[in-house]
Amino acid sequence: MSHKLGRCFQGILEVLEAFGLLICLLLSPVFGLFKSFDKAHKFWYQTKVFLPRGLFIPALRAHLEAKLGNHQQAANILDQVAYVLESEQGDDKISGVSRVLRDVYCGIFKLNILVGNLELATLTVIRAHQKIGLDRLPSTPGFDVKVAQVVKAGIAAGKLLEEGGLATLMVRHGDEPSLSKPENLKGKGKFKRQKNKDGATIIQCPTFDS
């Protein structure tokens, strides 16, 4: 009896859930309309900044390249747009230029992530912090400037290790991560080759002087 009641209760819940999903599907065009209003407002204030500076066509070209899947080309165009806006921003951090710059940085970050270029995406977050004082981009609130600095130092350390060197990554609370090469390691970890009397090659393990 209790088993039948449990199945009946579960069936009622499924019907209610299906009814709720149906209502959401019927209301989704309304929410899409509000989203269209937001896009129209965004297009309006960006146009007011782009047109006087001759950036409207490059911005449209970047949007078209992104739609065609040429994400790297679109990121390069937006990067040039950002440089022009940065040169005209001045000291006003709350101007319309800064608002559009924020959107451009978000676009550059997204495009670099799509092409797998984490380093440039990280540098974009740091760049936004330096130019307009943003600690994080609105599109990626979990990836703030502190995380970006750690990722940047980690990428630099990885490159150094790939080149056969050694690196020390220091992360201190409140300070920017620093990357340095250990000064007390001599010999640089290279294998030494020698030949014995019989002509055989002997490879010695790397040694480091203290």
Protein backbone atom coordinates (compact mmCIF):
# COMPACT_ATOMS: atom_id res chain seq x y z
CA MET A 1 0.00 0.00 0.00
CA SER A 2 2.74 2.43 0.97
CA HIS A 3 4.60 1.56 -2.23
CA LYS A 4 1.56 2.48 -4.34
CA LEU A 5 1.17 5.76 -2.46
CA GLY A 6 4.85 6.57 -3.09
CA ARG A 7 4.48 5.93 -6.82
CA CYS A 8 1.30 8.00 -6.93
CA PHE A 9 3.00 10.89 -5.13
CA GLN A 10 5.98 10.67 -7.52
CA GLY A 11 3.63 10.75 -10.49
CA ILE A 12 1.93 13.88 -9.15
CA LEU A 13 5.30 15.58 -8.73
CA GLU A 14 6.27 14.72 -12.32
CA VAL A 15 2.99 16.17 -13.60
CA LEU A 16 3.56 19.38 -11.64
CA GLU A 17 7.14 19.62 -12.91
CA ALA A 18 6.00 19.11 -16.49
CA PHE A 19 3.33 21.80 -16.01
CA GLY A 20 5.96 24.21 -14.63
CA LEU A 21 8.30 23.54 -17.58
CA LEU A 22 5.43 24.14 -20.00
CA ILE A 23 4.78 27.55 -18.41
CA CYS A 24 8.49 28.41 -18.69
CA LEU A 25 8.45 27.48 -22.38
CA LEU A 26 5.42 29.70 -22.97
CA LEU A 27 7.06 32.62 -21.14
CA SER A 28 10.51 32.21 -22.74
CA PRO A 29 9.69 34.52 -25.71
CA VAL A 30 8.83 37.26 -23.23
CA PHE A 31 12.20 36.92 -21.51
CA GLY A 32 13.85 36.87 -24.95
CA LEU A 33 12.12 40.17 -25.70
CA PHE A 34 13.65 41.74 -22.58
CA LYS A 35 17.03 40.39 -23.67
CA SER A 36 16.54 42.04 -27.06
CA PHE A 37 15.85 45.35 -25.31
CA ASP A 38 19.12 44.98 -23.42
CA LYS A 39 21.03 44.25 -26.65
CA ALA A 40 19.42 47.26 -28.35
CA HIS A 41 20.41 49.54 -25.47
CA LYS A 42 23.95 48.16 -25.54
CA PHE A 43 24.15 48.71 -29.31
CA TRP A 44 22.94 52.30 -28.86
CA TYR A 45 25.51 53.45 -26.30
CA GLN A 46 28.33 51.60 -28.10
CA THR A 47 27.40 53.29 -31.38
CA LYS A 48 27.59 56.73 -29.74
CA VAL A 49 31.19 55.97 -28.76
CA PHE A 50 32.29 54.12 -31.91
CA LEU A 51 30.96 56.46 -34.61
CA PRO A 52 32.85 59.67 -33.70
CA ARG A 53 36.11 57.71 -33.46
CA GLY A 54 35.79 55.75 -36.69
CA LEU A 55 35.46 52.45 -34.81
CA PHE A 56 31.97 51.45 -35.88
CA ILE A 57 33.08 49.55 -39.01
CA PRO A 58 35.93 47.68 -37.20
CA ALA A 59 33.52 46.70 -34.43
CA LEU A 60 31.03 45.36 -36.99
CA ARG A 61 33.83 43.51 -38.78
CA ALA A 62 34.91 41.90 -35.50
CA HIS A 63 31.31 40.82 -34.84
CA LEU A 64 31.08 39.33 -38.34
CA GLU A 65 34.39 37.48 -37.98
CA ALA A 66 33.22 36.02 -34.67
CA LYS A 67 29.95 34.85 -36.28
CA LEU A 68 31.94 33.18 -39.07
CA GLY A 69 34.10 31.37 -36.51
CA ASN A 70 37.25 33.42 -37.09
CA HIS A 71 37.69 34.05 -33.38
CA GLN A 72 41.38 34.95 -33.48
CA GLN A 73 40.85 37.53 -36.23
CA ALA A 74 37.91 39.00 -34.32
CA ALA A 75 40.02 39.21 -31.15
CA ASN A 76 42.79 41.02 -33.04
CA ILE A 77 40.34 43.61 -34.39
CA LEU A 78 38.79 44.20 -30.97
CA ASP A 79 42.28 44.53 -29.52
CA GLN A 80 42.96 47.44 -31.88
CA VAL A 81 39.60 48.99 -30.99
CA ALA A 82 40.54 48.77 -27.32
CA TYR A 83 43.87 50.53 -27.92
CA VAL A 84 42.11 53.46 -29.59
CA LEU A 85 39.58 53.76 -26.77
CA GLU A 86 42.33 53.54 -24.15
CA SER A 87 44.21 56.42 -25.76
CA GLU A 88 41.11 58.65 -25.57
CA GLN A 89 39.84 57.57 -22.18
CA GLY A 90 41.85 60.03 -20.08
CA ASP A 91 41.44 60.06 -16.32
CA ASP A 92 37.66 59.70 -16.33
CA LYS A 93 36.99 56.15 -15.14
CA ILE A 94 33.18 56.52 -15.31
CA SER A 95 32.89 57.88 -18.85
CA GLY A 96 31.00 56.26 -21.71
CA VAL A 97 34.35 55.23 -23.18
CA SER A 98 35.13 53.21 -20.06
CA ARG A 99 31.75 51.51 -20.28
CA VAL A 100 32.35 50.48 -23.88
CA LEU A 101 35.92 49.44 -23.03
CA ARG A 102 34.50 47.06 -20.44
CA ASP A 103 32.36 45.40 -23.12
CA VAL A 104 35.31 45.23 -25.52
CA TYR A 105 37.49 43.56 -22.87
CA CYS A 106 34.74 41.01 -22.25
CA GLY A 107 34.65 40.26 -25.98
CA ILE A 108 38.43 39.89 -26.22
CA PHE A 109 38.49 37.57 -23.19
CA LYS A 110 35.73 35.35 -24.61
CA LEU A 111 37.32 35.12 -28.06
CA ASN A 112 40.75 34.23 -26.65
CA ILE A 113 39.21 31.50 -24.52
CA LEU A 114 37.43 30.10 -27.59
CA VAL A 115 40.74 29.78 -29.45
CA GLY A 116 42.43 28.31 -26.37
CA ASN A 117 44.75 31.27 -25.74
CA LEU A 118 44.59 31.41 -21.95
CA GLU A 119 47.60 33.71 -21.71
CA LEU A 120 46.03 36.52 -23.76
CA ALA A 121 42.72 36.06 -21.94
CA THR A 122 44.57 36.42 -18.63
CA LEU A 123 46.40 39.52 -19.84
CA THR A 124 43.05 41.02 -20.85
CA VAL A 125 41.80 40.83 -17.25
CA ILE A 126 45.01 42.46 -15.99
CA ARG A 127 44.73 45.09 -18.72
CA ALA A 128 41.15 45.92 -17.71
CA HIS A 129 42.29 46.33 -14.11
CA GLN A 130 45.10 48.70 -15.09
CA LYS A 131 43.12 50.79 -17.58
CA ILE A 132 39.65 51.15 -16.04
CA GLY A 133 40.11 49.78 -12.54
CA LEU A 134 38.05 46.59 -12.90
CA ASP A 135 38.93 43.79 -10.52
CA ARG A 136 36.96 41.32 -12.66
CA LEU A 137 35.10 41.34 -15.94
CA PRO A 138 31.28 41.23 -15.72
CA SER A 139 31.17 38.20 -18.03
CA THR A 140 33.60 36.19 -15.83
CA PRO A 141 33.12 37.25 -12.19
CA GLY A 142 35.02 34.24 -10.86
CA PHE A 143 38.20 35.10 -12.75
CA ASP A 144 39.43 38.25 -11.00
CA VAL A 145 42.74 40.07 -11.35
CA LYS A 146 44.39 38.11 -8.50
CA VAL A 147 43.62 34.80 -10.19
CA ALA A 148 44.83 36.28 -13.48
CA GLN A 149 48.17 37.25 -11.95
CA VAL A 150 48.69 33.75 -10.55
CA VAL A 151 47.78 32.17 -13.91
CA LYS A 152 50.12 34.57 -15.72
CA ALA A 153 53.04 33.67 -13.43
CA GLY A 154 52.21 29.97 -13.76
CA ILE A 155 52.26 30.18 -17.57
CA ALA A 156 55.62 31.97 -17.44
CA ALA A 157 57.01 29.28 -15.15
CA GLY A 158 55.71 26.58 -17.47
CA LYS A 159 57.46 28.18 -20.45
CA LEU A 160 60.71 28.34 -18.51
CA LEU A 161 60.46 24.66 -17.60
CA GLU A 162 59.78 23.74 -21.24
CA GLU A 163 63.01 25.51 -22.19
CA GLY A 164 64.92 23.32 -19.75
CA GLY A 165 65.32 25.86 -16.99
CA LEU A 166 64.22 26.02 -13.39
CA ALA A 167 61.89 28.53 -11.80
CA THR A 168 60.54 29.50 -8.40
CA LEU A 169 56.99 30.82 -8.22
CA MET A 170 56.34 32.91 -5.10
CA VAL A 171 52.75 33.73 -4.13
CA ARG A 172 52.28 35.92 -1.09
CA HIS A 173 49.01 37.19 0.30
CA GLY A 174 48.35 40.73 -0.91
CA ASP A 175 51.32 40.81 -3.29
CA GLU A 176 51.61 40.13 -7.00
CA PRO A 177 53.06 36.65 -7.75
CA SER A 178 56.72 36.75 -8.69
CA LEU A 179 58.76 34.39 -10.83
CA SER A 180 62.50 33.99 -10.40
CA LYS A 181 65.31 31.65 -11.35
CA PRO A 182 67.16 29.98 -8.46
CA GLU A 183 70.58 31.60 -8.26
CA ASN A 184 72.19 28.85 -6.20
CA LEU A 185 71.73 26.20 -8.88
CA LYS A 186 74.73 25.99 -11.18
CA GLY A 187 75.18 23.62 -14.04
CA LYS A 188 71.59 24.39 -15.19
CA GLY A 189 70.60 20.76 -15.04
CA LYS A 190 72.29 19.72 -18.28
CA PHE A 191 73.51 16.18 -18.84
CA LYS A 192 77.27 15.87 -19.42
CA ARG A 193 78.55 13.36 -21.94
CA GLN A 194 81.98 11.75 -21.66
CA LYS A 195 83.72 8.88 -23.37
CA ASN A 196 85.77 6.27 -21.58
CA LYS A 197 88.90 4.52 -22.83
CA ASP A 198 86.87 1.96 -24.79
CA GLY A 199 85.03 4.71 -26.72
CA ALA A 200 81.72 4.18 -24.95
CA THR A 201 79.62 7.26 -24.20
CA ILE A 202 78.85 7.90 -20.52
CA ILE A 203 76.04 10.31 -19.61
CA GLN A 204 76.44 11.78 -16.13
CA CYS A 205 73.45 12.92 -14.11
CA PRO A 206 73.24 16.69 -13.63
CA THR A 207 74.86 18.00 -10.47
CA PHE A 208 74.22 21.32 -8.75
CA ASP A 209 76.80 23.11 -6.64
CA SER A 210 75.61 24.44 -3.31
